[in-house]
Amino acid sequence: MENLWKYCEETGFDPYAAIDAIEERIGVKLECDCQIINNEIENRRKDLVNVFGTDFGEPGRDFDFF
């Protein structure tokens, strides 16, 4: 989290608020800066698209399957 912390200090952001916002957005507790770049949830979603050839929608989006 060293890089994120330095960036927040340079730009005047509150590091704790930034970390909370990022964790809320990606849905994972941050342990390392690399988790911001390597979003595991989005990567799994892309893998499903590659395997099944279709996008099953964004999280929280409703679908009619009929």
Protein backbone atom coordinates (compact mmCIF):
# COMPACT_ATOMS: atom_id res chain seq x y z
CA MET A 1 0.00 0.00 0.00
CA GLU A 2 3.09 2.14 -0.06
CA ASN A 3 2.49 3.49 -3.59
CA LEU A 4 -1.15 4.34 -2.91
CA TRP A 5 -0.20 6.05 0.33
CA LYS A 6 2.46 8.19 -1.41
CA TYR A 7 0.04 9.10 -4.22
CA CYS A 8 -2.60 10.21 -1.73
CA GLU A 9 -0.12 12.37 0.14
CA GLU A 10 1.09 14.00 -3.09
CA THR A 11 -2.43 14.75 -4.33
CA GLY A 12 -3.90 15.77 -0.99
CA PHE A 13 -6.34 12.85 -0.69
CA ASP A 14 -7.04 11.18 2.62
CA PRO A 15 -5.35 7.76 2.28
CA TYR A 16 -7.84 6.05 4.59
CA ALA A 17 -10.82 7.41 2.64
CA ALA A 18 -9.21 6.39 -0.67
CA ILE A 19 -8.57 2.86 0.58
CA ASP A 20 -12.14 2.55 1.88
CA ALA A 21 -13.57 3.77 -1.44
CA ILE A 22 -11.40 1.37 -3.47
CA GLU A 23 -12.26 -1.58 -1.22
CA GLU A 24 -15.95 -0.79 -1.51
CA ARG A 25 -15.73 -0.54 -5.31
CA ILE A 26 -13.79 -3.75 -5.95
CA GLY A 27 -15.39 -5.67 -3.08
CA VAL A 28 -12.11 -6.95 -1.66
CA LYS A 29 -10.07 -5.98 1.40
CA LEU A 30 -6.84 -4.46 0.06
CA GLU A 31 -3.64 -6.06 1.23
CA CYS A 32 -1.41 -4.87 -1.63
CA ASP A 33 -1.35 -2.14 -4.30
CA CYS A 34 -1.34 -4.85 -6.97
CA GLN A 35 -4.96 -5.73 -6.15
CA ILE A 36 -6.07 -2.40 -7.61
CA ILE A 37 -4.51 -3.23 -10.97
CA ASN A 38 -5.34 -6.94 -10.93
CA ASN A 39 -9.08 -6.89 -10.19
CA GLU A 40 -9.84 -10.60 -9.64
CA ILE A 41 -13.63 -10.18 -9.94
CA GLU A 42 -13.37 -8.45 -13.31
CA ASN A 43 -10.83 -11.02 -14.51
CA ARG A 44 -13.21 -13.88 -13.62
CA ARG A 45 -15.99 -12.10 -15.49
CA LYS A 46 -13.80 -11.75 -18.58
CA ASP A 47 -12.90 -15.45 -18.35
CA LEU A 48 -16.61 -16.33 -18.44
CA VAL A 49 -17.04 -14.19 -21.54
CA ASN A 50 -14.13 -16.00 -23.20
CA VAL A 51 -15.43 -19.46 -22.28
CA PHE A 52 -19.14 -18.96 -23.02
CA GLY A 53 -18.88 -16.25 -25.67
CA THR A 54 -21.32 -13.93 -23.96
CA ASP A 55 -21.39 -11.31 -21.25
CA PHE A 56 -23.74 -12.23 -18.44
CA GLY A 57 -24.15 -8.60 -17.46
CA GLU A 58 -22.80 -6.33 -14.86
CA PRO A 59 -23.05 -7.20 -11.17
CA GLY A 60 -26.43 -6.21 -9.77
CA ARG A 61 -28.07 -6.03 -13.18
CA ASP A 62 -31.43 -7.79 -13.64
CA PHE A 63 -32.19 -10.06 -16.59
CA ASP A 64 -35.22 -11.68 -18.16
CA PHE A 65 -34.37 -15.21 -19.24
CA PHE A 66 -37.75 -15.93 -20.82
